[in-house]
């Protein structure tokens, strides 16, 4: 079973190093208008926000007007990571706790969510360093494939309903299969009634179109960090293009 907290701390350590090594003014290709300093501030403030929710168990306001101490971005971000990790260890994962998604309201949600938030922004930092928005950064080799497979599952379980609630309906008008060729994970997305997110079945990939790729490629395509052309499509290209072109994530 994937240890979300341990993997979160590993990924966060990689991101802290990246914040120290990359020019803070370097643009982040996947986040137009942001530089590395903006990315660091965004995710560090997010760590503080998540920690406050975990410790209180209830919804909290996002920090505003965050002031960074006169230390490196890497050190500052590492401090916010340590604070969140301590909060997560202080609370049982099964304890009732607010989250923003239509899923079970338990504290364990946050270790998973912050792991995947960190991994996606680690990708952003790597692409900023390489100035290559359509590439898989080499530093991701340290992140297990199982983490990316879980990231795909999180998109389906958390963000498809989340985006629907925000007015962006997932383009699943017929069954779509998704297969991670390296880990063996499979999913089938089946249309539900109007105003409802698609049904998700794990362990099988079938439908009008089946999308195939390694777990990292699948995850990054869903988060629009890689172009859809990075995937192999079996079946109806039209159904695949409609799904991949929709807003599955923020």
C-alpha atoms as a PDB file:
ATOM      1  CA  UNK A   1       0.000   0.000   0.000  1.00  0.00           C
ATOM      2  CA  UNK A   2       1.336   3.440  -0.936  1.00  0.00           C
ATOM      3  CA  UNK A   3       2.575   5.485   2.042  1.00  0.00           C
ATOM      4  CA  UNK A   4       1.387   8.944   0.972  1.00  0.00           C
ATOM      5  CA  UNK A   5       3.092  10.820   3.799  1.00  0.00           C
ATOM      6  CA  UNK A   6       6.495   9.227   3.217  1.00  0.00           C
ATOM      7  CA  UNK A   7       6.286   9.807  -0.529  1.00  0.00           C
ATOM      8  CA  UNK A   8       5.132  13.385   0.078  1.00  0.00           C
ATOM      9  CA  UNK A   9       8.223  14.108   2.175  1.00  0.00           C
ATOM     10  CA  UNK A  10      10.504  12.577  -0.467  1.00  0.00           C
ATOM     11  CA  UNK A  11       8.956  14.590  -3.300  1.00  0.00           C
ATOM     12  CA  UNK A  12       8.968  17.772  -1.197  1.00  0.00           C
ATOM     13  CA  UNK A  13      12.681  17.318  -0.486  1.00  0.00           C
ATOM     14  CA  UNK A  14      13.331  17.144  -4.241  1.00  0.00           C
ATOM     15  CA  UNK A  15      11.272  20.278  -4.797  1.00  0.00           C
ATOM     16  CA  UNK A  16      13.146  22.166  -2.051  1.00  0.00           C
ATOM     17  CA  UNK A  17      16.416  21.389  -3.834  1.00  0.00           C
ATOM     18  CA  UNK A  18      14.916  22.583  -7.116  1.00  0.00           C
ATOM     19  CA  UNK A  19      13.859  25.890  -5.519  1.00  0.00           C
ATOM     20  CA  UNK A  20      17.452  26.428  -4.402  1.00  0.00           C
ATOM     21  CA  UNK A  21      18.982  25.506  -7.761  1.00  0.00           C
ATOM     22  CA  UNK A  22      16.659  27.293 -10.205  1.00  0.00           C
ATOM     23  CA  UNK A  23      16.664  31.043 -10.752  1.00  0.00           C
ATOM     24  CA  UNK A  24      13.649  32.428  -8.805  1.00  0.00           C
ATOM     25  CA  UNK A  25      12.854  34.625 -11.825  1.00  0.00           C
ATOM     26  CA  UNK A  26      12.748  31.686 -14.264  1.00  0.00           C
ATOM     27  CA  UNK A  27       9.300  31.420 -15.924  1.00  0.00           C
ATOM     28  CA  UNK A  28       7.195  28.302 -15.278  1.00  0.00           C
ATOM     29  CA  UNK A  29       5.904  27.106 -18.681  1.00  0.00           C
ATOM     30  CA  UNK A  30       2.855  25.246 -17.347  1.00  0.00           C
ATOM     31  CA  UNK A  31       1.738  28.215 -15.202  1.00  0.00           C
ATOM     32  CA  UNK A  32       1.665  31.284 -17.477  1.00  0.00           C
ATOM     33  CA  UNK A  33       2.645  34.452 -15.675  1.00  0.00           C
ATOM     34  CA  UNK A  34       4.411  32.623 -12.855  1.00  0.00           C
ATOM     35  CA  UNK A  35       8.103  32.521 -12.066  1.00  0.00           C
ATOM     36  CA  UNK A  36       9.733  29.939  -9.795  1.00  0.00           C
ATOM     37  CA  UNK A  37       9.357  32.319  -6.816  1.00  0.00           C
ATOM     38  CA  UNK A  38       5.587  32.431  -7.437  1.00  0.00           C
ATOM     39  CA  UNK A  39       5.458  28.654  -7.601  1.00  0.00           C
ATOM     40  CA  UNK A  40       7.346  28.359  -4.309  1.00  0.00           C
ATOM     41  CA  UNK A  41       5.058  30.862  -2.630  1.00  0.00           C
ATOM     42  CA  UNK A  42       1.956  29.102  -3.937  1.00  0.00           C
ATOM     43  CA  UNK A  43       2.876  25.634  -2.774  1.00  0.00           C
ATOM     44  CA  UNK A  44       4.454  26.764   0.511  1.00  0.00           C
ATOM     45  CA  UNK A  45       1.332  28.740   1.426  1.00  0.00           C
ATOM     46  CA  UNK A  46      -0.686  25.673   0.465  1.00  0.00           C
ATOM     47  CA  UNK A  47       1.307  23.572   2.953  1.00  0.00           C
ATOM     48  CA  UNK A  48       0.439  26.039   5.712  1.00  0.00           C
ATOM     49  CA  UNK A  49      -3.232  26.019   4.721  1.00  0.00           C
ATOM     50  CA  UNK A  50      -3.401  22.220   4.685  1.00  0.00           C
ATOM     51  CA  UNK A  51      -1.645  21.984   8.060  1.00  0.00           C
ATOM     52  CA  UNK A  52      -4.168  24.347   9.637  1.00  0.00           C
ATOM     53  CA  UNK A  53      -7.047  22.224   8.288  1.00  0.00           C
ATOM     54  CA  UNK A  54      -5.526  18.950   9.476  1.00  0.00           C
ATOM     55  CA  UNK A  55      -4.930  20.272  12.999  1.00  0.00           C
ATOM     56  CA  UNK A  56      -8.349  21.918  13.341  1.00  0.00           C
ATOM     57  CA  UNK A  57     -10.424  19.430  11.361  1.00  0.00           C
ATOM     58  CA  UNK A  58     -12.456  22.245   9.805  1.00  0.00           C
ATOM     59  CA  UNK A  59     -12.255  24.523   6.754  1.00  0.00           C
ATOM     60  CA  UNK A  60      -9.737  27.353   7.051  1.00  0.00           C
ATOM     61  CA  UNK A  61      -9.036  30.478   5.021  1.00  0.00           C
ATOM     62  CA  UNK A  62      -6.076  30.315   2.696  1.00  0.00           C
ATOM     63  CA  UNK A  63      -3.149  32.418   3.946  1.00  0.00           C
ATOM     64  CA  UNK A  64      -3.005  35.895   2.448  1.00  0.00           C
ATOM     65  CA  UNK A  65      -0.128  38.347   2.466  1.00  0.00           C
ATOM     66  CA  UNK A  66       2.385  35.602   3.242  1.00  0.00           C
ATOM     67  CA  UNK A  67       5.763  37.036   4.224  1.00  0.00           C
ATOM     68  CA  UNK A  68       8.853  34.912   3.659  1.00  0.00           C
ATOM     69  CA  UNK A  69      11.757  35.066   6.054  1.00  0.00           C
ATOM     70  CA  UNK A  70      15.074  36.255   4.585  1.00  0.00           C
ATOM     71  CA  UNK A  71      16.212  32.742   3.684  1.00  0.00           C
ATOM     72  CA  UNK A  72      16.312  30.821   0.433  1.00  0.00           C
ATOM     73  CA  UNK A  73      13.117  29.725  -1.225  1.00  0.00           C
ATOM     74  CA  UNK A  74      14.217  26.132  -0.723  1.00  0.00           C
ATOM     75  CA  UNK A  75      14.695  26.569   3.034  1.00  0.00           C
ATOM     76  CA  UNK A  76      11.422  28.444   3.436  1.00  0.00           C
ATOM     77  CA  UNK A  77       9.501  25.809   1.501  1.00  0.00           C
ATOM     78  CA  UNK A  78      11.201  23.016   3.487  1.00  0.00           C
ATOM     79  CA  UNK A  79       9.973  24.674   6.681  1.00  0.00           C
ATOM     80  CA  UNK A  80       6.374  24.650   5.459  1.00  0.00           C
ATOM     81  CA  UNK A  81       6.771  21.004   4.483  1.00  0.00           C
ATOM     82  CA  UNK A  82       8.040  20.112   7.957  1.00  0.00           C
ATOM     83  CA  UNK A  83       5.057  21.899   9.501  1.00  0.00           C
ATOM     84  CA  UNK A  84       2.571  19.985   7.354  1.00  0.00           C
ATOM     85  CA  UNK A  85       4.293  16.639   7.918  1.00  0.00           C
ATOM     86  CA  UNK A  86       4.215  17.231  11.681  1.00  0.00           C
ATOM     87  CA  UNK A  87       0.503  18.072  11.516  1.00  0.00           C
ATOM     88  CA  UNK A  88      -0.238  14.923   9.535  1.00  0.00           C
ATOM     89  CA  UNK A  89       1.634  12.786  12.062  1.00  0.00           C
ATOM     90  CA  UNK A  90      -0.234  14.401  14.936  1.00  0.00           C
ATOM     91  CA  UNK A  91      -3.647  13.333  13.611  1.00  0.00           C
ATOM     92  CA  UNK A  92      -4.947   9.857  12.842  1.00  0.00           C
ATOM     93  CA  UNK A  93      -5.690   9.529   9.091  1.00  0.00           C
ATOM     94  CA  UNK A  94      -9.186   8.251   9.908  1.00  0.00           C
ATOM     95  CA  UNK A  95     -10.071  11.304  12.012  1.00  0.00           C
ATOM     96  CA  UNK A  96     -12.941  13.405  10.615  1.00  0.00           C
ATOM     97  CA  UNK A  97     -11.514  16.401   8.769  1.00  0.00           C
ATOM     98  CA  UNK A  98     -12.817  18.849   6.171  1.00  0.00           C
ATOM     99  CA  UNK A  99     -11.674  18.743   2.562  1.00  0.00           C
ATOM    100  CA  UNK A 100     -12.875  20.478  -0.587  1.00  0.00           C
ATOM    101  CA  UNK A 101     -13.861  17.357  -2.526  1.00  0.00           C
ATOM    102  CA  UNK A 102     -16.978  15.183  -2.625  1.00  0.00           C
ATOM    103  CA  UNK A 103     -15.110  12.306  -0.973  1.00  0.00           C
ATOM    104  CA  UNK A 104     -14.889  10.988   2.577  1.00  0.00           C
ATOM    105  CA  UNK A 105     -14.014  13.817   4.954  1.00  0.00           C
ATOM    106  CA  UNK A 106     -10.978  12.290   6.694  1.00  0.00           C
ATOM    107  CA  UNK A 107      -7.561  13.649   7.602  1.00  0.00           C
ATOM    108  CA  UNK A 108      -5.829  11.082   5.391  1.00  0.00           C
ATOM    109  CA  UNK A 109      -7.131  12.943   2.338  1.00  0.00           C
ATOM    110  CA  UNK A 110      -4.501  15.622   2.877  1.00  0.00           C
ATOM    111  CA  UNK A 111      -1.387  13.459   2.777  1.00  0.00           C
ATOM    112  CA  UNK A 112      -2.527  12.090  -0.581  1.00  0.00           C
ATOM    113  CA  UNK A 113      -3.571  15.489  -1.926  1.00  0.00           C
ATOM    114  CA  UNK A 114      -0.367  17.247  -0.930  1.00  0.00           C
ATOM    115  CA  UNK A 115       1.737  14.412  -2.344  1.00  0.00           C
ATOM    116  CA  UNK A 116       0.199  14.846  -5.773  1.00  0.00           C
ATOM    117  CA  UNK A 117       0.225  18.645  -5.568  1.00  0.00           C
ATOM    118  CA  UNK A 118       3.937  18.445  -4.819  1.00  0.00           C
ATOM    119  CA  UNK A 119       4.707  15.993  -7.614  1.00  0.00           C
ATOM    120  CA  UNK A 120       2.913  18.081 -10.242  1.00  0.00           C
ATOM    121  CA  UNK A 121       4.746  21.215  -9.140  1.00  0.00           C
ATOM    122  CA  UNK A 122       8.020  19.265  -9.118  1.00  0.00           C
ATOM    123  CA  UNK A 123       7.270  18.679 -12.793  1.00  0.00           C
ATOM    124  CA  UNK A 124       6.649  22.413 -13.229  1.00  0.00           C
ATOM    125  CA  UNK A 125       9.999  23.249 -11.642  1.00  0.00           C
ATOM    126  CA  UNK A 126      11.801  20.704 -13.816  1.00  0.00           C
ATOM    127  CA  UNK A 127      10.190  22.077 -16.963  1.00  0.00           C
ATOM    128  CA  UNK A 128      11.136  25.613 -15.898  1.00  0.00           C
ATOM    129  CA  UNK A 129      14.754  24.532 -15.465  1.00  0.00           C
ATOM    130  CA  UNK A 130      14.760  22.914 -18.901  1.00  0.00           C
ATOM    131  CA  UNK A 131      12.538  25.577 -20.518  1.00  0.00           C
ATOM    132  CA  UNK A 132      10.694  22.647 -22.090  1.00  0.00           C
ATOM    133  CA  UNK A 133       6.951  22.608 -21.378  1.00  0.00           C
ATOM    134  CA  UNK A 134       6.299  19.313 -23.164  1.00  0.00           C
ATOM    135  CA  UNK A 135       8.957  17.175 -21.499  1.00  0.00           C
ATOM    136  CA  UNK A 136       9.158  14.773 -18.557  1.00  0.00           C
ATOM    137  CA  UNK A 137      11.898  16.182 -16.265  1.00  0.00           C
ATOM    138  CA  UNK A 138      14.697  13.715 -15.576  1.00  0.00           C
ATOM    139  CA  UNK A 139      14.415  14.263 -11.807  1.00  0.00           C
ATOM    140  CA  UNK A 140      11.101  12.427 -11.781  1.00  0.00           C
ATOM    141  CA  UNK A 141      12.978   9.125 -11.980  1.00  0.00           C
ATOM    142  CA  UNK A 142      13.164   9.293  -8.168  1.00  0.00           C
ATOM    143  CA  UNK A 143       9.364   9.253  -7.894  1.00  0.00           C
ATOM    144  CA  UNK A 144       7.927   5.688  -7.981  1.00  0.00           C
ATOM    145  CA  UNK A 145       5.594   4.819 -10.832  1.00  0.00           C
ATOM    146  CA  UNK A 146       3.009   3.800  -8.217  1.00  0.00           C
ATOM    147  CA  UNK A 147       2.788   7.442  -7.123  1.00  0.00           C
ATOM    148  CA  UNK A 148       1.822   8.531 -10.639  1.00  0.00           C
ATOM    149  CA  UNK A 149      -0.699   5.697 -10.935  1.00  0.00           C
ATOM    150  CA  UNK A 150      -2.272   6.893  -7.694  1.00  0.00           C
ATOM    151  CA  UNK A 151      -2.217  10.401  -9.149  1.00  0.00           C
ATOM    152  CA  UNK A 152      -4.330   9.190 -12.072  1.00  0.00           C
ATOM    153  CA  UNK A 153      -6.773   7.583  -9.631  1.00  0.00           C
ATOM    154  CA  UNK A 154      -6.939  10.822  -7.645  1.00  0.00           C
ATOM    155  CA  UNK A 155      -7.857  12.782 -10.764  1.00  0.00           C
ATOM    156  CA  UNK A 156     -10.730  10.398 -11.429  1.00  0.00           C
ATOM    157  CA  UNK A 157     -11.934  10.129  -7.819  1.00  0.00           C
ATOM    158  CA  UNK A 158     -11.419  13.716  -6.646  1.00  0.00           C
ATOM    159  CA  UNK A 159     -11.013  16.137  -9.522  1.00  0.00           C
ATOM    160  CA  UNK A 160     -13.599  14.974 -12.042  1.00  0.00           C
ATOM    161  CA  UNK A 161     -16.361  15.553  -9.438  1.00  0.00           C
ATOM    162  CA  UNK A 162     -14.588  18.713  -8.253  1.00  0.00           C
ATOM    163  CA  UNK A 163     -14.407  20.207 -11.737  1.00  0.00           C
ATOM    164  CA  UNK A 164     -18.030  19.270 -12.415  1.00  0.00           C
ATOM    165  CA  UNK A 165     -19.052  21.150  -9.265  1.00  0.00           C
ATOM    166  CA  UNK A 166     -17.149  24.157 -10.627  1.00  0.00           C
ATOM    167  CA  UNK A 167     -19.043  24.038 -13.927  1.00  0.00           C
ATOM    168  CA  UNK A 168     -16.555  22.083 -16.061  1.00  0.00           C
ATOM    169  CA  UNK A 169     -18.270  18.829 -17.000  1.00  0.00           C
ATOM    170  CA  UNK A 170     -15.907  15.957 -17.925  1.00  0.00           C
ATOM    171  CA  UNK A 171     -16.297  14.997 -21.588  1.00  0.00           C
ATOM    172  CA  UNK A 172     -17.258  11.367 -20.999  1.00  0.00           C
ATOM    173  CA  UNK A 173     -20.178  10.726 -23.327  1.00  0.00           C
ATOM    174  CA  UNK A 174     -19.243   7.077 -23.873  1.00  0.00           C
ATOM    175  CA  UNK A 175     -17.034   4.616 -22.055  1.00  0.00           C
ATOM    176  CA  UNK A 176     -13.334   5.499 -21.922  1.00  0.00           C
ATOM    177  CA  UNK A 177     -10.642   3.072 -20.791  1.00  0.00           C
ATOM    178  CA  UNK A 178      -7.309   4.103 -19.288  1.00  0.00           C
ATOM    179  CA  UNK A 179      -4.335   1.740 -18.916  1.00  0.00           C
ATOM    180  CA  UNK A 180      -0.957   2.333 -17.241  1.00  0.00           C
ATOM    181  CA  UNK A 181       1.362   0.145 -19.258  1.00  0.00           C
ATOM    182  CA  UNK A 182       4.132  -0.006 -16.650  1.00  0.00           C
ATOM    183  CA  UNK A 183       2.183  -0.577 -13.421  1.00  0.00           C
ATOM    184  CA  UNK A 184      -0.774  -2.530 -14.790  1.00  0.00           C
ATOM    185  CA  UNK A 185      -3.373  -0.183 -13.301  1.00  0.00           C
ATOM    186  CA  UNK A 186      -6.561   0.118 -15.356  1.00  0.00           C
ATOM    187  CA  UNK A 187      -9.725   2.193 -15.145  1.00  0.00           C
ATOM    188  CA  UNK A 188     -12.975   2.496 -17.077  1.00  0.00           C
ATOM    189  CA  UNK A 189     -14.967   5.737 -17.038  1.00  0.00           C
ATOM    190  CA  UNK A 190     -18.667   5.314 -17.777  1.00  0.00           C
ATOM    191  CA  UNK A 191     -21.082   8.225 -18.383  1.00  0.00           C
ATOM    192  CA  UNK A 192     -23.611   8.930 -15.643  1.00  0.00           C
ATOM    193  CA  UNK A 193     -26.762  11.004 -15.740  1.00  0.00           C
ATOM    194  CA  UNK A 194     -26.671  14.720 -16.493  1.00  0.00           C
ATOM    195  CA  UNK A 195     -24.984  16.702 -13.765  1.00  0.00           C
ATOM    196  CA  UNK A 196     -23.221  13.649 -12.335  1.00  0.00           C
ATOM    197  CA  UNK A 197     -19.542  12.674 -12.620  1.00  0.00           C
ATOM    198  CA  UNK A 198     -18.681   9.522 -14.562  1.00  0.00           C
ATOM    199  CA  UNK A 199     -18.649   6.188 -12.782  1.00  0.00           C
ATOM    200  CA  UNK A 200     -15.139   4.819 -12.242  1.00  0.00           C
ATOM    201  CA  UNK A 201     -14.304   1.111 -12.332  1.00  0.00           C
ATOM    202  CA  UNK A 202     -10.799   0.012 -11.381  1.00  0.00           C
ATOM    203  CA  UNK A 203      -9.091  -3.094 -12.703  1.00  0.00           C
ATOM    204  CA  UNK A 204     -10.409  -2.971 -16.257  1.00  0.00           C
ATOM    205  CA  UNK A 205      -9.851  -0.684 -19.266  1.00  0.00           C
ATOM    206  CA  UNK A 206     -12.544  -0.891 -21.900  1.00  0.00           C
ATOM    207  CA  UNK A 207     -14.647   1.463 -23.974  1.00  0.00           C
ATOM    208  CA  UNK A 208     -14.991   3.284 -27.246  1.00  0.00           C
ATOM    209  CA  UNK A 209     -11.408   4.441 -26.754  1.00  0.00           C
ATOM    210  CA  UNK A 210      -8.638   3.147 -24.510  1.00  0.00           C
ATOM    211  CA  UNK A 211      -5.819   5.490 -23.543  1.00  0.00           C
ATOM    212  CA  UNK A 212      -2.450   3.861 -22.870  1.00  0.00           C
ATOM    213  CA  UNK A 213       0.821   5.169 -21.513  1.00  0.00           C
ATOM    214  CA  UNK A 214       3.152   4.849 -18.577  1.00  0.00           C
ATOM    215  CA  UNK A 215       1.707   6.023 -15.264  1.00  0.00           C
ATOM    216  CA  UNK A 216       3.782   9.212 -15.331  1.00  0.00           C
ATOM    217  CA  UNK A 217       2.668  10.072 -18.863  1.00  0.00           C
ATOM    218  CA  UNK A 218      -0.990   9.416 -18.044  1.00  0.00           C
ATOM    219  CA  UNK A 219      -0.835  11.576 -14.919  1.00  0.00           C
ATOM    220  CA  UNK A 220       0.954  14.457 -16.627  1.00  0.00           C
ATOM    221  CA  UNK A 221      -1.416  14.385 -19.611  1.00  0.00           C
ATOM    222  CA  UNK A 222      -4.417  14.616 -17.280  1.00  0.00           C
ATOM    223  CA  UNK A 223      -2.774  17.606 -15.577  1.00  0.00           C
ATOM    224  CA  UNK A 224      -1.966  19.150 -18.986  1.00  0.00           C
ATOM    225  CA  UNK A 225       1.782  18.997 -18.329  1.00  0.00           C
ATOM    226  CA  UNK A 226       2.283  16.813 -21.407  1.00  0.00           C
ATOM    227  CA  UNK A 227       0.448  16.943 -24.750  1.00  0.00           C
ATOM    228  CA  UNK A 228      -2.222  14.335 -25.403  1.00  0.00           C
ATOM    229  CA  UNK A 229      -0.092  13.058 -28.285  1.00  0.00           C
ATOM    230  CA  UNK A 230       2.190  11.448 -25.693  1.00  0.00           C
ATOM    231  CA  UNK A 231      -0.490   8.759 -25.190  1.00  0.00           C
ATOM    232  CA  UNK A 232      -1.396   5.800 -27.372  1.00  0.00           C
ATOM    233  CA  UNK A 233      -5.088   5.731 -28.300  1.00  0.00           C
ATOM    234  CA  UNK A 234      -6.801   2.468 -29.204  1.00  0.00           C
ATOM    235  CA  UNK A 235     -10.284   2.773 -30.632  1.00  0.00           C
ATOM    236  CA  UNK A 236     -12.162   5.961 -31.458  1.00  0.00           C
ATOM    237  CA  UNK A 237      -9.786   8.917 -31.631  1.00  0.00           C
ATOM    238  CA  UNK A 238     -12.743  11.308 -31.437  1.00  0.00           C
ATOM    239  CA  UNK A 239     -13.864  10.040 -28.019  1.00  0.00           C
ATOM    240  CA  UNK A 240     -10.290  10.161 -26.711  1.00  0.00           C
ATOM    241  CA  UNK A 241      -9.713  13.689 -28.006  1.00  0.00           C
ATOM    242  CA  UNK A 242     -12.931  14.951 -26.410  1.00  0.00           C
ATOM    243  CA  UNK A 243     -11.988  13.540 -23.023  1.00  0.00           C
ATOM    244  CA  UNK A 244      -8.370  14.720 -23.123  1.00  0.00           C
ATOM    245  CA  UNK A 245      -9.368  18.162 -24.343  1.00  0.00           C
ATOM    246  CA  UNK A 246     -11.761  18.744 -21.440  1.00  0.00           C
ATOM    247  CA  UNK A 247     -10.840  20.241 -18.071  1.00  0.00           C
ATOM    248  CA  UNK A 248     -10.206  17.231 -15.842  1.00  0.00           C
ATOM    249  CA  UNK A 249      -8.087  19.263 -13.414  1.00  0.00           C
ATOM    250  CA  UNK A 250      -7.813  22.938 -12.354  1.00  0.00           C
END
